[in-house]
Amino acid sequence: MKEERVLPDLVIYNTLNFRLSKCGRVSEAKKFLKIMVELGQLANVVIYTSLMNGMCREEDVLSAMTLLKEMELKGCSLNSCTYNTLLHRFYKGRMLNNGIELYR
């Protein structure tokens, strides 16, 4: 892409982030998020949720909740996939009180 002078857009970053997160390469996905923001692109709910999903798959719920707070601070609206990702992990991790708190 760089050789062809094609600049990555939101769709490309979404795809990279989703696939890396799904494959358990969350640290690499975080790097792409950082690069994206440095280049002036705004992360959307899809990118944040994909990254949260990867964190939850690695049972890193604390990082996922931190990312949720970051998302909210930046004014990015949550959607049903975002909530479902976190609720699913809370259920699997037997953290039902956290799920109830998120619901409120």
PDB file of N, CA and C in Angstrom:
ATOM      1  N   MET A   1       0.817  -1.189   0.000  1.00  0.00           N
ATOM      2  CA  MET A   1       0.000   0.000   0.000  1.00  0.00           C
ATOM      3  C   MET A   1       0.861   1.252   0.000  1.00  0.00           C
ATOM      4  N   LYS A   2       1.891   1.241   0.858  1.00  0.00           N
ATOM      5  CA  LYS A   2       2.736   2.425   0.930  1.00  0.00           C
ATOM      6  C   LYS A   2       3.445   2.682  -0.393  1.00  0.00           C
ATOM      7  N   GLU A   3       3.904   1.607  -1.027  1.00  0.00           N
ATOM      8  CA  GLU A   3       4.587   1.753  -2.318  1.00  0.00           C
ATOM      9  C   GLU A   3       3.659   2.339  -3.368  1.00  0.00           C
ATOM     10  N   GLU A   4       2.394   2.025  -3.277  1.00  0.00           N
ATOM     11  CA  GLU A   4       1.406   2.510  -4.238  1.00  0.00           C
ATOM     12  C   GLU A   4       0.815   3.853  -3.812  1.00  0.00           C
ATOM     13  N   ARG A   5       1.297   4.356  -2.669  1.00  0.00           N
ATOM     14  CA  ARG A   5       0.839   5.634  -2.124  1.00  0.00           C
ATOM     15  C   ARG A   5      -0.667   5.642  -1.819  1.00  0.00           C
ATOM     16  N   VAL A   6      -1.151   4.497  -1.385  1.00  0.00           N
ATOM     17  CA  VAL A   6      -2.546   4.400  -0.953  1.00  0.00           C
ATOM     18  C   VAL A   6      -2.559   4.606   0.550  1.00  0.00           C
ATOM     19  N   LEU A   7      -3.259   5.635   0.985  1.00  0.00           N
ATOM     20  CA  LEU A   7      -3.346   5.906   2.411  1.00  0.00           C
ATOM     21  C   LEU A   7      -4.446   5.064   3.037  1.00  0.00           C
ATOM     22  N   PRO A   8      -4.139   4.414   4.151  1.00  0.00           N
ATOM     23  CA  PRO A   8      -5.178   3.630   4.825  1.00  0.00           C
ATOM     24  C   PRO A   8      -6.301   4.535   5.315  1.00  0.00           C
ATOM     25  N   ASP A   9      -7.513   4.068   5.149  1.00  0.00           N
ATOM     26  CA  ASP A   9      -8.664   4.817   5.635  1.00  0.00           C
ATOM     27  C   ASP A   9      -9.307   4.048   6.775  1.00  0.00           C
ATOM     28  N   LEU A  10     -10.438   4.538   7.227  1.00  0.00           N
ATOM     29  CA  LEU A  10     -11.121   3.923   8.357  1.00  0.00           C
ATOM     30  C   LEU A  10     -11.484   2.464   8.088  1.00  0.00           C
ATOM     31  N   VAL A  11     -11.876   2.156   6.870  1.00  0.00           N
ATOM     32  CA  VAL A  11     -12.249   0.776   6.528  1.00  0.00           C
ATOM     33  C   VAL A  11     -11.045  -0.153   6.659  1.00  0.00           C
ATOM     34  N   ILE A  12      -9.898   0.280   6.187  1.00  0.00           N
ATOM     35  CA  ILE A  12      -8.691  -0.537   6.280  1.00  0.00           C
ATOM     36  C   ILE A  12      -8.292  -0.723   7.737  1.00  0.00           C
ATOM     37  N   TYR A  13      -8.319   0.359   8.512  1.00  0.00           N
ATOM     38  CA  TYR A  13      -7.972   0.242   9.932  1.00  0.00           C
ATOM     39  C   TYR A  13      -8.966  -0.647  10.673  1.00  0.00           C
ATOM     40  N   ASN A  14     -10.252  -0.554  10.343  1.00  0.00           N
ATOM     41  CA  ASN A  14     -11.247  -1.436  10.956  1.00  0.00           C
ATOM     42  C   ASN A  14     -10.919  -2.893  10.676  1.00  0.00           C
ATOM     43  N   THR A  15     -10.592  -3.190   9.426  1.00  0.00           N
ATOM     44  CA  THR A  15     -10.280  -4.569   9.032  1.00  0.00           C
ATOM     45  C   THR A  15      -9.040  -5.077   9.749  1.00  0.00           C
ATOM     46  N   LEU A  16      -7.978  -4.287   9.751  1.00  0.00           N
ATOM     47  CA  LEU A  16      -6.746  -4.686  10.438  1.00  0.00           C
ATOM     48  C   LEU A  16      -7.006  -4.917  11.920  1.00  0.00           C
ATOM     49  N   ASN A  17      -7.687  -3.980  12.540  1.00  0.00           N
ATOM     50  CA  ASN A  17      -7.959  -4.068  13.965  1.00  0.00           C
ATOM     51  C   ASN A  17      -8.801  -5.294  14.297  1.00  0.00           C
ATOM     52  N   PHE A  18      -9.847  -5.524  13.517  1.00  0.00           N
ATOM     53  CA  PHE A  18     -10.733  -6.656  13.750  1.00  0.00           C
ATOM     54  C   PHE A  18      -9.982  -7.977  13.637  1.00  0.00           C
ATOM     55  N   ARG A  19      -9.232  -8.131  12.548  1.00  0.00           N
ATOM     56  CA  ARG A  19      -8.530  -9.407  12.319  1.00  0.00           C
ATOM     57  C   ARG A  19      -7.433  -9.648  13.339  1.00  0.00           C
ATOM     58  N   LEU A  20      -6.646  -8.623  13.646  1.00  0.00           N
ATOM     59  CA  LEU A  20      -5.587  -8.784  14.640  1.00  0.00           C
ATOM     60  C   LEU A  20      -6.174  -9.119  16.008  1.00  0.00           C
ATOM     61  N   SER A  21      -7.224  -8.423  16.395  1.00  0.00           N
ATOM     62  CA  SER A  21      -7.853  -8.680  17.689  1.00  0.00           C
ATOM     63  C   SER A  21      -8.427 -10.087  17.750  1.00  0.00           C
ATOM     64  N   LYS A  22      -9.057 -10.509  16.666  1.00  0.00           N
ATOM     65  CA  LYS A  22      -9.670 -11.843  16.630  1.00  0.00           C
ATOM     66  C   LYS A  22      -8.619 -12.950  16.715  1.00  0.00           C
ATOM     67  N   CYS A  23      -7.419 -12.675  16.190  1.00  0.00           N
ATOM     68  CA  CYS A  23      -6.333 -13.668  16.209  1.00  0.00           C
ATOM     69  C   CYS A  23      -5.499 -13.616  17.476  1.00  0.00           C
ATOM     70  N   GLY A  24      -5.923 -12.775  18.437  1.00  0.00           N
ATOM     71  CA  GLY A  24      -5.188 -12.698  19.695  1.00  0.00           C
ATOM     72  C   GLY A  24      -3.961 -11.793  19.651  1.00  0.00           C
ATOM     73  N   ARG A  25      -3.853 -10.976  18.626  1.00  0.00           N
ATOM     74  CA  ARG A  25      -2.712 -10.071  18.491  1.00  0.00           C
ATOM     75  C   ARG A  25      -3.136  -8.648  18.871  1.00  0.00           C
ATOM     76  N   VAL A  26      -3.636  -8.551  20.098  1.00  0.00           N
ATOM     77  CA  VAL A  26      -4.211  -7.300  20.599  1.00  0.00           C
ATOM     78  C   VAL A  26      -3.164  -6.196  20.676  1.00  0.00           C
ATOM     79  N   SER A  27      -1.953  -6.517  21.075  1.00  0.00           N
ATOM     80  CA  SER A  27      -0.926  -5.471  21.188  1.00  0.00           C
ATOM     81  C   SER A  27      -0.650  -4.836  19.824  1.00  0.00           C
ATOM     82  N   GLU A  28      -0.676  -5.635  18.762  1.00  0.00           N
ATOM     83  CA  GLU A  28      -0.494  -5.082  17.419  1.00  0.00           C
ATOM     84  C   GLU A  28      -1.698  -4.234  17.014  1.00  0.00           C
ATOM     85  N   ALA A  29      -2.882  -4.680  17.380  1.00  0.00           N
ATOM     86  CA  ALA A  29      -4.087  -3.907  17.073  1.00  0.00           C
ATOM     87  C   ALA A  29      -4.042  -2.556  17.772  1.00  0.00           C
ATOM     88  N   LYS A  30      -3.545  -2.535  19.010  1.00  0.00           N
ATOM     89  CA  LYS A  30      -3.407  -1.277  19.743  1.00  0.00           C
ATOM     90  C   LYS A  30      -2.452  -0.333  19.027  1.00  0.00           C
ATOM     91  N   LYS A  31      -1.380  -0.893  18.465  1.00  0.00           N
ATOM     92  CA  LYS A  31      -0.417  -0.067  17.735  1.00  0.00           C
ATOM     93  C   LYS A  31      -1.067   0.585  16.522  1.00  0.00           C
ATOM     94  N   PHE A  32      -1.896  -0.177  15.813  1.00  0.00           N
ATOM     95  CA  PHE A  32      -2.582   0.396  14.651  1.00  0.00           C
ATOM     96  C   PHE A  32      -3.567   1.477  15.073  1.00  0.00           C
ATOM     97  N   LEU A  33      -4.211   1.298  16.210  1.00  0.00           N
ATOM     98  CA  LEU A  33      -5.110   2.333  16.727  1.00  0.00           C
ATOM     99  C   LEU A  33      -4.323   3.610  17.005  1.00  0.00           C
ATOM    100  N   LYS A  34      -3.167   3.449  17.627  1.00  0.00           N
ATOM    101  CA  LYS A  34      -2.324   4.603  17.937  1.00  0.00           C
ATOM    102  C   LYS A  34      -1.858   5.303  16.655  1.00  0.00           C
ATOM    103  N   ILE A  35      -1.407   4.535  15.682  1.00  0.00           N
ATOM    104  CA  ILE A  35      -0.970   5.105  14.400  1.00  0.00           C
ATOM    105  C   ILE A  35      -2.118   5.851  13.738  1.00  0.00           C
ATOM    106  N   MET A  36      -3.256   5.236  13.736  1.00  0.00           N
ATOM    107  CA  MET A  36      -4.437   5.824  13.117  1.00  0.00           C
ATOM    108  C   MET A  36      -4.755   7.184  13.726  1.00  0.00           C
ATOM    109  N   VAL A  37      -4.751   7.240  15.043  1.00  0.00           N
ATOM    110  CA  VAL A  37      -5.060   8.495  15.746  1.00  0.00           C
ATOM    111  C   VAL A  37      -3.978   9.536  15.464  1.00  0.00           C
ATOM    112  N   GLU A  38      -2.718   9.102  15.452  1.00  0.00           N
ATOM    113  CA  GLU A  38      -1.616  10.029  15.154  1.00  0.00           C
ATOM    114  C   GLU A  38      -1.742  10.628  13.752  1.00  0.00           C
ATOM    115  N   LEU A  39      -2.338   9.882  12.825  1.00  0.00           N
ATOM    116  CA  LEU A  39      -2.527  10.361  11.465  1.00  0.00           C
ATOM    117  C   LEU A  39      -3.804  11.178  11.300  1.00  0.00           C
ATOM    118  N   GLY A  40      -4.491  11.425  12.419  1.00  0.00           N
ATOM    119  CA  GLY A  40      -5.658  12.287  12.394  1.00  0.00           C
ATOM    120  C   GLY A  40      -6.981  11.596  12.122  1.00  0.00           C
ATOM    121  N   GLN A  41      -6.993  10.265  12.112  1.00  0.00           N
ATOM    122  CA  GLN A  41      -8.241   9.529  11.912  1.00  0.00           C
ATOM    123  C   GLN A  41      -8.906   9.321  13.276  1.00  0.00           C
ATOM    124  N   LEU A  42     -10.203   9.400  13.293  1.00  0.00           N
ATOM    125  CA  LEU A  42     -10.946   9.150  14.528  1.00  0.00           C
ATOM    126  C   LEU A  42     -11.373   7.689  14.582  1.00  0.00           C
ATOM    127  N   ALA A  43     -11.125   7.076  15.717  1.00  0.00           N
ATOM    128  CA  ALA A  43     -11.567   5.692  15.901  1.00  0.00           C
ATOM    129  C   ALA A  43     -13.079   5.685  16.075  1.00  0.00           C
ATOM    130  N   ASN A  44     -13.716   4.655  15.571  1.00  0.00           N
ATOM    131  CA  ASN A  44     -15.169   4.543  15.706  1.00  0.00           C
ATOM    132  C   ASN A  44     -15.520   3.370  16.600  1.00  0.00           C
ATOM    133  N   VAL A  45     -16.795   3.160  16.787  1.00  0.00           N
ATOM    134  CA  VAL A  45     -17.284   2.109  17.681  1.00  0.00           C
ATOM    135  C   VAL A  45     -16.829   0.727  17.220  1.00  0.00           C
ATOM    136  N   VAL A  46     -16.692   0.518  15.927  1.00  0.00           N
ATOM    137  CA  VAL A  46     -16.262  -0.794  15.407  1.00  0.00           C
ATOM    138  C   VAL A  46     -14.832  -1.087  15.841  1.00  0.00           C
ATOM    139  N   ILE A  47     -13.965  -0.119  15.709  1.00  0.00           N
ATOM    140  CA  ILE A  47     -12.562  -0.322  16.109  1.00  0.00           C
ATOM    141  C   ILE A  47     -12.462  -0.577  17.603  1.00  0.00           C
ATOM    142  N   TYR A  48     -13.107   0.260  18.402  1.00  0.00           N
ATOM    143  CA  TYR A  48     -13.049   0.077  19.850  1.00  0.00           C
ATOM    144  C   TYR A  48     -13.634  -1.274  20.269  1.00  0.00           C
ATOM    145  N   THR A  49     -14.766  -1.641  19.711  1.00  0.00           N
ATOM    146  CA  THR A  49     -15.411  -2.896  20.093  1.00  0.00           C
ATOM    147  C   THR A  49     -14.573  -4.099  19.675  1.00  0.00           C
ATOM    148  N   SER A  50     -13.968  -4.040  18.496  1.00  0.00           N
ATOM    149  CA  SER A  50     -13.089  -5.136  18.048  1.00  0.00           C
ATOM    150  C   SER A  50     -11.926  -5.314  19.009  1.00  0.00           C
ATOM    151  N   LEU A  51     -11.345  -4.196  19.410  1.00  0.00           N
ATOM    152  CA  LEU A  51     -10.223  -4.253  20.343  1.00  0.00           C
ATOM    153  C   LEU A  51     -10.675  -4.777  21.706  1.00  0.00           C
ATOM    154  N   MET A  52     -11.826  -4.320  22.170  1.00  0.00           N
ATOM    155  CA  MET A  52     -12.370  -4.831  23.440  1.00  0.00           C
ATOM    156  C   MET A  52     -12.621  -6.333  23.369  1.00  0.00           C
ATOM    157  N   ASN A  53     -13.146  -6.772  22.249  1.00  0.00           N
ATOM    158  CA  ASN A  53     -13.412  -8.193  22.054  1.00  0.00           C
ATOM    159  C   ASN A  53     -12.116  -8.992  22.174  1.00  0.00           C
ATOM    160  N   GLY A  54     -11.053  -8.508  21.539  1.00  0.00           N
ATOM    161  CA  GLY A  54      -9.762  -9.184  21.644  1.00  0.00           C
ATOM    162  C   GLY A  54      -9.248  -9.217  23.068  1.00  0.00           C
ATOM    163  N   MET A  55      -9.405  -8.108  23.775  1.00  0.00           N
ATOM    164  CA  MET A  55      -8.975  -8.052  25.175  1.00  0.00           C
ATOM    165  C   MET A  55      -9.768  -9.035  26.022  1.00  0.00           C
ATOM    166  N   CYS A  56     -11.066  -9.089  25.774  1.00  0.00           N
ATOM    167  CA  CYS A  56     -11.915 -10.017  26.528  1.00  0.00           C
ATOM    168  C   CYS A  56     -11.568 -11.469  26.216  1.00  0.00           C
ATOM    169  N   ARG A  57     -11.244 -11.765  24.980  1.00  0.00           N
ATOM    170  CA  ARG A  57     -10.832 -13.130  24.623  1.00  0.00           C
ATOM    171  C   ARG A  57      -9.583 -13.540  25.391  1.00  0.00           C
ATOM    172  N   GLU A  58      -8.713 -12.561  25.661  1.00  0.00           N
ATOM    173  CA  GLU A  58      -7.492 -12.819  26.428  1.00  0.00           C
ATOM    174  C   GLU A  58      -7.742 -12.689  27.927  1.00  0.00           C
ATOM    175  N   GLU A  59      -9.017 -12.520  28.295  1.00  0.00           N
ATOM    176  CA  GLU A  59      -9.447 -12.377  29.677  1.00  0.00           C
ATOM    177  C   GLU A  59      -8.839 -11.155  30.357  1.00  0.00           C
ATOM    178  N   ASP A  60      -8.622 -10.104  29.576  1.00  0.00           N
ATOM    179  CA  ASP A  60      -8.104  -8.844  30.092  1.00  0.00           C
ATOM    180  C   ASP A  60      -9.254  -7.845  30.175  1.00  0.00           C
ATOM    181  N   VAL A  61     -10.174  -8.133  31.079  1.00  0.00           N
ATOM    182  CA  VAL A  61     -11.380  -7.324  31.225  1.00  0.00           C
ATOM    183  C   VAL A  61     -11.043  -5.928  31.729  1.00  0.00           C
ATOM    184  N   LEU A  62     -10.028  -5.804  32.557  1.00  0.00           N
ATOM    185  CA  LEU A  62      -9.641  -4.500  33.076  1.00  0.00           C
ATOM    186  C   LEU A  62      -9.249  -3.556  31.930  1.00  0.00           C
ATOM    187  N   SER A  63      -8.456  -4.050  30.987  1.00  0.00           N
ATOM    188  CA  SER A  63      -8.071  -3.223  29.829  1.00  0.00           C
ATOM    189  C   SER A  63      -9.283  -2.894  28.970  1.00  0.00           C
ATOM    190  N   ALA A  64     -10.191  -3.846  28.830  1.00  0.00           N
ATOM    191  CA  ALA A  64     -11.404  -3.608  28.043  1.00  0.00           C
ATOM    192  C   ALA A  64     -12.253  -2.520  28.695  1.00  0.00           C
ATOM    193  N   MET A  65     -12.354  -2.531  30.006  1.00  0.00           N
ATOM    194  CA  MET A  65     -13.129  -1.508  30.708  1.00  0.00           C
ATOM    195  C   MET A  65     -12.437  -0.141  30.629  1.00  0.00           C
ATOM    196  N   THR A  66     -11.111  -0.140  30.672  1.00  0.00           N
ATOM    197  CA  THR A  66     -10.356   1.104  30.503  1.00  0.00           C
ATOM    198  C   THR A  66     -10.600   1.673  29.113  1.00  0.00           C
ATOM    199  N   LEU A  67     -10.601   0.803  28.114  1.00  0.00           N
ATOM    200  CA  LEU A  67     -10.873   1.237  26.749  1.00  0.00           C
ATOM    201  C   LEU A  67     -12.301   1.771  26.615  1.00  0.00           C
ATOM    202  N   LEU A  68     -13.229   1.152  27.326  1.00  0.00           N
ATOM    203  CA  LEU A  68     -14.615   1.629  27.323  1.00  0.00           C
ATOM    204  C   LEU A  68     -14.680   3.065  27.851  1.00  0.00           C
ATOM    205  N   LYS A  69     -13.969   3.324  28.935  1.00  0.00           N
ATOM    206  CA  LYS A  69     -13.951   4.676  29.511  1.00  0.00           C
ATOM    207  C   LYS A  69     -13.331   5.670  28.518  1.00  0.00           C
ATOM    208  N   GLU A  70     -12.245   5.252  27.862  1.00  0.00           N
ATOM    209  CA  GLU A  70     -11.603   6.104  26.853  1.00  0.00           C
ATOM    210  C   GLU A  70     -12.583   6.425  25.723  1.00  0.00           C
ATOM    211  N   MET A  71     -13.272   5.407  25.311  1.00  0.00           N
ATOM    212  CA  MET A  71     -14.258   5.551  24.248  1.00  0.00           C
ATOM    213  C   MET A  71     -15.330   6.574  24.637  1.00  0.00           C
ATOM    214  N   GLU A  72     -15.835   6.449  25.840  1.00  0.00           N
ATOM    215  CA  GLU A  72     -16.866   7.365  26.324  1.00  0.00           C
ATOM    216  C   GLU A  72     -16.335   8.794  26.437  1.00  0.00           C
ATOM    217  N   LEU A  73     -15.093   8.942  26.930  1.00  0.00           N
ATOM    218  CA  LEU A  73     -14.491  10.268  27.069  1.00  0.00           C
ATOM    219  C   LEU A  73     -14.310  10.958  25.721  1.00  0.00           C
ATOM    220  N   LYS A  74     -14.041  10.164  24.699  1.00  0.00           N
ATOM    221  CA  LYS A  74     -13.838  10.725  23.361  1.00  0.00           C
ATOM    222  C   LYS A  74     -15.153  10.948  22.623  1.00  0.00           C
ATOM    223  N   GLY A  75     -16.266  10.649  23.298  1.00  0.00           N
ATOM    224  CA  GLY A  75     -17.572  10.905  22.703  1.00  0.00           C
ATOM    225  C   GLY A  75     -18.007   9.876  21.676  1.00  0.00           C
ATOM    226  N   CYS A  76     -17.392   8.719  21.704  1.00  0.00           N
ATOM    227  CA  CYS A  76     -17.760   7.639  20.776  1.00  0.00           C
ATOM    228  C   CYS A  76     -18.942   6.870  21.377  1.00  0.00           C
ATOM    229  N   SER A  77     -20.033   6.830  20.656  1.00  0.00           N
ATOM    230  CA  SER A  77     -21.237   6.162  21.145  1.00  0.00           C
ATOM    231  C   SER A  77     -21.059   4.652  21.176  1.00  0.00           C
ATOM    232  N   LEU A  78     -21.552   4.065  22.242  1.00  0.00           N
ATOM    233  CA  LEU A  78     -21.530   2.611  22.381  1.00  0.00           C
ATOM    234  C   LEU A  78     -22.699   2.035  21.594  1.00  0.00           C
ATOM    235  N   ASN A  79     -22.549   0.799  21.149  1.00  0.00           N
ATOM    236  CA  ASN A  79     -23.674   0.140  20.487  1.00  0.00           C
ATOM    237  C   ASN A  79     -23.930  -1.208  21.149  1.00  0.00           C
ATOM    238  N   SER A  80     -24.908  -1.932  20.649  1.00  0.00           N
ATOM    239  CA  SER A  80     -25.271  -3.207  21.274  1.00  0.00           C
ATOM    240  C   SER A  80     -24.129  -4.214  21.209  1.00  0.00           C
ATOM    241  N   CYS A  81     -23.299  -4.158  20.171  1.00  0.00           N
ATOM    242  CA  CYS A  81     -22.149  -5.079  20.078  1.00  0.00           C
ATOM    243  C   CYS A  81     -21.136  -4.797  21.179  1.00  0.00           C
ATOM    244  N   THR A  82     -20.925  -3.516  21.479  1.00  0.00           N
ATOM    245  CA  THR A  82     -19.995  -3.141  22.548  1.00  0.00           C
ATOM    246  C   THR A  82     -20.476  -3.713  23.880  1.00  0.00           C
ATOM    247  N   TYR A  83     -21.735  -3.477  24.193  1.00  0.00           N
ATOM    248  CA  TYR A  83     -22.293  -3.994  25.443  1.00  0.00           C
ATOM    249  C   TYR A  83     -22.283  -5.519  25.468  1.00  0.00           C
ATOM    250  N   ASN A  84     -22.648  -6.146  24.368  1.00  0.00           N
ATOM    251  CA  ASN A  84     -22.698  -7.600  24.310  1.00  0.00           C
ATOM    252  C   ASN A  84     -21.318  -8.212  24.526  1.00  0.00           C
ATOM    253  N   THR A  85     -20.296  -7.594  23.953  1.00  0.00           N
ATOM    254  CA  THR A  85     -18.921  -8.081  24.124  1.00  0.00           C
ATOM    255  C   THR A  85     -18.551  -8.124  25.603  1.00  0.00           C
ATOM    256  N   LEU A  86     -18.822  -7.029  26.299  1.00  0.00           N
ATOM    257  CA  LEU A  86     -18.476  -6.966  27.718  1.00  0.00           C
ATOM    258  C   LEU A  86     -19.365  -7.859  28.570  1.00  0.00           C
ATOM    259  N   LEU A  87     -20.657  -7.850  28.300  1.00  0.00           N
ATOM    260  CA  LEU A  87     -21.575  -8.702  29.073  1.00  0.00           C
ATOM    261  C   LEU A  87     -21.239 -10.183  28.917  1.00  0.00           C
ATOM    262  N   HIS A  88     -20.872 -10.578  27.716  1.00  0.00           N
ATOM    263  CA  HIS A  88     -20.500 -11.975  27.472  1.00  0.00           C
ATOM    264  C   HIS A  88     -19.288 -12.365  28.329  1.00  0.00           C
ATOM    265  N   ARG A  89     -18.287 -11.501  28.368  1.00  0.00           N
ATOM    266  CA  ARG A  89     -17.091 -11.794  29.164  1.00  0.00           C
ATOM    267  C   ARG A  89     -17.424 -11.804  30.647  1.00  0.00           C
ATOM    268  N   PHE A  90     -18.259 -10.874  31.099  1.00  0.00           N
ATOM    269  CA  PHE A  90     -18.648 -10.870  32.509  1.00  0.00           C
ATOM    270  C   PHE A  90     -19.352 -12.178  32.864  1.00  0.00           C
ATOM    271  N   TYR A  91     -20.219 -12.649  31.984  1.00  0.00           N
ATOM    272  CA  TYR A  91     -20.935 -13.897  32.228  1.00  0.00           C
ATOM    273  C   TYR A  91     -19.951 -15.065  32.286  1.00  0.00           C
ATOM    274  N   LYS A  92     -19.067 -15.138  31.291  1.00  0.00           N
ATOM    275  CA  LYS A  92     -18.106 -16.255  31.247  1.00  0.00           C
ATOM    276  C   LYS A  92     -17.152 -16.228  32.436  1.00  0.00           C
ATOM    277  N   GLY A  93     -16.811 -15.019  32.890  1.00  0.00           N
ATOM    278  CA  GLY A  93     -15.886 -14.878  34.008  1.00  0.00           C
ATOM    279  C   GLY A  93     -16.566 -14.866  35.358  1.00  0.00           C
ATOM    280  N   ARG A  94     -17.871 -15.155  35.347  1.00  0.00           N
ATOM    281  CA  ARG A  94     -18.655 -15.175  36.581  1.00  0.00           C
ATOM    282  C   ARG A  94     -18.585 -13.845  37.329  1.00  0.00           C
ATOM    283  N   MET A  95     -18.607 -12.776  36.558  1.00  0.00           N
ATOM    284  CA  MET A  95     -18.587 -11.432  37.122  1.00  0.00           C
ATOM    285  C   MET A  95     -19.942 -10.771  36.858  1.00  0.00           C
ATOM    286  N   LEU A  96     -20.985 -11.430  37.299  1.00  0.00           N
ATOM    287  CA  LEU A  96     -22.338 -10.980  37.005  1.00  0.00           C
ATOM    288  C   LEU A  96     -22.637  -9.592  37.558  1.00  0.00           C
ATOM    289  N   ASN A  97     -22.069  -9.255  38.715  1.00  0.00           N
ATOM    290  CA  ASN A  97     -22.309  -7.925  39.287  1.00  0.00           C
ATOM    291  C   ASN A  97     -21.773  -6.836  38.357  1.00  0.00           C
ATOM    292  N   ASN A  98     -20.636  -7.100  37.714  1.00  0.00           N
ATOM    293  CA  ASN A  98     -20.100  -6.130  36.755  1.00  0.00           C
ATOM    294  C   ASN A  98     -21.059  -5.950  35.574  1.00  0.00           C
ATOM    295  N   GLY A  99     -21.643  -7.045  35.131  1.00  0.00           N
ATOM    296  CA  GLY A  99     -22.588  -6.986  34.029  1.00  0.00           C
ATOM    297  C   GLY A  99     -23.835  -6.190  34.398  1.00  0.00           C
ATOM    298  N   ILE A 100     -24.323  -6.412  35.603  1.00  0.00           N
ATOM    299  CA  ILE A 100     -25.495  -5.678  36.083  1.00  0.00           C
ATOM    300  C   ILE A 100     -25.159  -4.195  36.205  1.00  0.00           C
ATOM    301  N   GLU A 101     -23.973  -3.899  36.704  1.00  0.00           N
ATOM    302  CA  GLU A 101     -23.543  -2.495  36.828  1.00  0.00           C
ATOM    303  C   GLU A 101     -23.432  -1.823  35.455  1.00  0.00           C
ATOM    304  N   LEU A 102     -22.915  -2.541  34.483  1.00  0.00           N
ATOM    305  CA  LEU A 102     -22.814  -2.007  33.121  1.00  0.00           C
ATOM    306  C   LEU A 102     -24.192  -1.736  32.552  1.00  0.00           C
ATOM    307  N   TYR A 103     -25.135  -2.614  32.869  1.00  0.00           N
ATOM    308  CA  TYR A 103     -26.501  -2.464  32.386  1.00  0.00           C
ATOM    309  C   TYR A 103     -27.134  -1.181  32.901  1.00  0.00           C
ATOM    310  N   ARG A 104     -26.812  -0.835  34.139  1.00  0.00           N
ATOM    311  CA  ARG A 104     -27.406   0.363  34.759  1.00  0.00           C
ATOM    312  C   ARG A 104     -26.834   1.574  34.113  1.00  0.00           C
TER     313      ARG A 104
END
